[in-house]
Amino acid sequence: MVYVISIVVGYLMGSILPAYFFGRLYHLDIRRVGTGNAGTVNVYHTLGLIPAIPTAIYDASKGVLAILIGQRLTANFVCAQLSGLAAIAGHVLPFYLGFRGGQSVACATGIMLYYLVHYLTSGVLSLYELGFLFVVVAIFTYITRQGELVSMIVLPLLCYMLFSHAQHDPHNPFLLTVIAYIIAVGVYNTVKRGLVKITDETLKRHWWRVAARPGALTFIVIYLRNTQHMALQLIGCVAIFFILMDIVRFVHRRTSMFLSERIKLLFKRTEYRKFSSMTVFLVAGFITLLVFPKPIAVAAFTYLIFGDIFGKLFGLMFGRHKIRGKTLEGTLAYWGGALICAYILYNTLHISPLLLGVGATGAAVTELLSFNVDDNFTVPLVSGTLMRVIDMFVG
């Protein structure tokens, strides 16, 4: 009964919605105005700053208070955490409002921060890693100005950070539940409000090329688990196939017309009389794996794969400041994506963070400055060269 009471108390604490009651003071239902969410942001935009402050304080703290009360009542770790989750459910499903409340993101975020304090004080998460996380948050907050999108990028990285250092921490399942909920709400809001819009016709037509780019990780996995010779054989054969296809296009007019008119999704309009970016990408990958040591080659090729995806998508969706055909936002996204890859590589391959940081930064800058040369070719070679030079003189 004590366990049940603890969870019910958590639910009741969560069901108290300051946003709704402040709205009633102004003779309106906060759920029917603005975004329709009984939360801090909607209160701020609808009612002003003064009601928003206490709303934010209580909504962010009630989940943590439910956990602390649960610990006091039951002295049971699992039950206390369930009380916190019940507070989230109470905010979403308040019994006195027909089970139609708010999204409870603030409550879930408060619980997540409470768990982060635990990971920091127990030494699982270092201040350096927390600082790195703030850098990534700052980059994508500036680019998107959408908290939902930032959470979908940063929170999986946070999970990776914590789980890689403390796989058996008892807080992990509950943290994962809270983060999964925040991400799910973010995805829902992104789709409902149409926060992501791509108007570029080239990307719409050739979206499959961006979607297929992570498939190049196959070459890296084979390289890591087998010999360099085997990886080079695989990527070399694929590259030769695309090279031959391009050559046939150049010398055989009917084939060129067939590919350009009948299979328009395969090649971009700008590639009809030159080697395609797919060919350049594969050739650059082959050279990278051939000339650089394995850790550096893996890092440089990974930056090319994922940095390009981040840069292209975020640049087209949120690019505001043009720089000779590219955007500042796209370059920052390229850098942010490369930094995320750098952290994962640091924990899996144990490469120097200095090398990885220099390589990630060099990849982003090279992508921006490759005005007349395909950046699929320049990025891995310049990034790999920078890391190799740093490794020779420092490492």
Foldseek 3Di string as FASTA:
>chain_A
DLLVVLLVVLLVLLLDQLLQVVQVVVPHGLLPDDPNFSALVSCCVPPRDPSSVVRLVSLQCSLVVSLVVSCVRPVDNVSSLSSSVSSQQSQCQPPVVNGHHHLSLSSLVSVLVVVVVVCDVVVLDDPVNVVLLVVLLVLVCVLQVQPLVSLLVRVVLVLCSNCLRCVPDPCNVSSVVSSVSSNVVSVVCCVVVVSFDFDDPLCVLQVVVLVCLVVVCVLLVCVVVHPLVVSLVVLVVVLVVQVVLLVCLQPPVVSLCCCVPVVVNPAPPVPSNHRGLVNLLSVLLSVLSVPFPSLLSSLQNQLLRFLQSQLVRSFRGRFDADDLNTGPSSLSSSLSRSSSVLVVSCSVVVDDSVLSNQLSNQLSVLCRPPNPHSSSNVNSVRSSVSSVVCVVVPD
